[in-house]
């Protein structure tokens, strides 16, 4: 498998994890289309995706409430 394909797989896994976090661990999510192939052609592909602080805080609050 080429390094580009492996990079795409890893980036897709990151996107999935972010979406799972947003839906509080469920599997009812859609992976957003980010145009990885276009970004590769433009040499603008990211090594990782950012997750907003707000999403992290909501997930932490959800975990704390469900642990009580």
C-alpha atoms as a PDB file:
ATOM      1  CA  UNK A   1       0.000   0.000   0.000  1.00  0.00           C
ATOM      2  CA  UNK A   2       1.350   3.420  -0.873  1.00  0.00           C
ATOM      3  CA  UNK A   3       2.108   6.046   1.721  1.00  0.00           C
ATOM      4  CA  UNK A   4      -0.627   8.262   0.240  1.00  0.00           C
ATOM      5  CA  UNK A   5      -3.202   5.509   0.770  1.00  0.00           C
ATOM      6  CA  UNK A   6      -2.024   4.928   4.327  1.00  0.00           C
ATOM      7  CA  UNK A   7      -2.210   8.653   4.987  1.00  0.00           C
ATOM      8  CA  UNK A   8      -5.790   8.724   3.681  1.00  0.00           C
ATOM      9  CA  UNK A   9      -6.744   5.792   5.917  1.00  0.00           C
ATOM     10  CA  UNK A  10      -5.239   7.475   8.976  1.00  0.00           C
ATOM     11  CA  UNK A  11      -6.957  10.781   8.239  1.00  0.00           C
ATOM     12  CA  UNK A  12     -10.289   9.000   7.759  1.00  0.00           C
ATOM     13  CA  UNK A  13      -9.840   7.259  11.116  1.00  0.00           C
ATOM     14  CA  UNK A  14      -9.227  10.640  12.735  1.00  0.00           C
ATOM     15  CA  UNK A  15     -12.405  12.035  11.179  1.00  0.00           C
ATOM     16  CA  UNK A  16     -14.368   9.013  12.397  1.00  0.00           C
ATOM     17  CA  UNK A  17     -13.065   9.436  15.943  1.00  0.00           C
ATOM     18  CA  UNK A  18     -14.016  13.120  15.969  1.00  0.00           C
ATOM     19  CA  UNK A  19     -17.537  12.271  14.780  1.00  0.00           C
ATOM     20  CA  UNK A  20     -17.876   9.474  17.369  1.00  0.00           C
ATOM     21  CA  UNK A  21     -16.873  11.941  20.071  1.00  0.00           C
ATOM     22  CA  UNK A  22     -19.468  14.426  18.794  1.00  0.00           C
ATOM     23  CA  UNK A  23     -22.258  11.830  19.018  1.00  0.00           C
ATOM     24  CA  UNK A  24     -21.140  10.686  22.492  1.00  0.00           C
ATOM     25  CA  UNK A  25     -19.750   7.322  21.461  1.00  0.00           C
ATOM     26  CA  UNK A  26     -22.571   6.308  19.175  1.00  0.00           C
ATOM     27  CA  UNK A  27     -22.288   5.112  15.626  1.00  0.00           C
ATOM     28  CA  UNK A  28     -24.955   7.331  14.108  1.00  0.00           C
ATOM     29  CA  UNK A  29     -22.666   9.763  12.304  1.00  0.00           C
ATOM     30  CA  UNK A  30     -21.558  10.773   8.845  1.00  0.00           C
ATOM     31  CA  UNK A  31     -17.949  11.315   7.908  1.00  0.00           C
ATOM     32  CA  UNK A  32     -17.565  14.809   6.480  1.00  0.00           C
ATOM     33  CA  UNK A  33     -16.190  15.064   2.970  1.00  0.00           C
ATOM     34  CA  UNK A  34     -12.916  16.992   3.117  1.00  0.00           C
ATOM     35  CA  UNK A  35     -11.547  16.323  -0.373  1.00  0.00           C
ATOM     36  CA  UNK A  36      -8.344  14.505   0.593  1.00  0.00           C
ATOM     37  CA  UNK A  37      -7.398  13.766  -3.023  1.00  0.00           C
ATOM     38  CA  UNK A  38      -7.760  17.423  -3.998  1.00  0.00           C
ATOM     39  CA  UNK A  39      -5.724  18.483  -0.970  1.00  0.00           C
ATOM     40  CA  UNK A  40      -3.019  15.990  -1.928  1.00  0.00           C
ATOM     41  CA  UNK A  41      -2.880  17.375  -5.475  1.00  0.00           C
ATOM     42  CA  UNK A  42      -2.541  20.882  -4.060  1.00  0.00           C
ATOM     43  CA  UNK A  43       0.033  19.678  -1.507  1.00  0.00           C
ATOM     44  CA  UNK A  44      -2.191  21.073   1.231  1.00  0.00           C
ATOM     45  CA  UNK A  45      -3.057  17.787   2.949  1.00  0.00           C
ATOM     46  CA  UNK A  46      -2.899  17.880   6.722  1.00  0.00           C
ATOM     47  CA  UNK A  47      -1.092  15.395   8.917  1.00  0.00           C
ATOM     48  CA  UNK A  48      -3.965  15.589  11.385  1.00  0.00           C
ATOM     49  CA  UNK A  49      -7.333  17.215  11.873  1.00  0.00           C
ATOM     50  CA  UNK A  50      -8.068  19.621  14.685  1.00  0.00           C
ATOM     51  CA  UNK A  51     -10.919  19.104  17.097  1.00  0.00           C
ATOM     52  CA  UNK A  52     -12.455  22.170  18.670  1.00  0.00           C
ATOM     53  CA  UNK A  53     -12.134  22.797  22.379  1.00  0.00           C
ATOM     54  CA  UNK A  54     -15.921  23.055  22.579  1.00  0.00           C
ATOM     55  CA  UNK A  55     -16.366  19.492  21.273  1.00  0.00           C
ATOM     56  CA  UNK A  56     -13.850  18.205  23.816  1.00  0.00           C
ATOM     57  CA  UNK A  57     -15.592  20.034  26.680  1.00  0.00           C
ATOM     58  CA  UNK A  58     -19.031  18.730  25.672  1.00  0.00           C
ATOM     59  CA  UNK A  59     -17.644  15.174  25.524  1.00  0.00           C
ATOM     60  CA  UNK A  60     -15.975  15.533  28.921  1.00  0.00           C
ATOM     61  CA  UNK A  61     -19.190  16.871  30.452  1.00  0.00           C
ATOM     62  CA  UNK A  62     -21.139  13.996  28.930  1.00  0.00           C
ATOM     63  CA  UNK A  63     -18.724  11.466  30.422  1.00  0.00           C
ATOM     64  CA  UNK A  64     -18.823  13.111  33.857  1.00  0.00           C
ATOM     65  CA  UNK A  65     -22.638  13.146  33.928  1.00  0.00           C
ATOM     66  CA  UNK A  66     -22.850   9.486  32.894  1.00  0.00           C
ATOM     67  CA  UNK A  67     -20.327   8.365  35.514  1.00  0.00           C
ATOM     68  CA  UNK A  68     -22.423   9.690  38.394  1.00  0.00           C
END
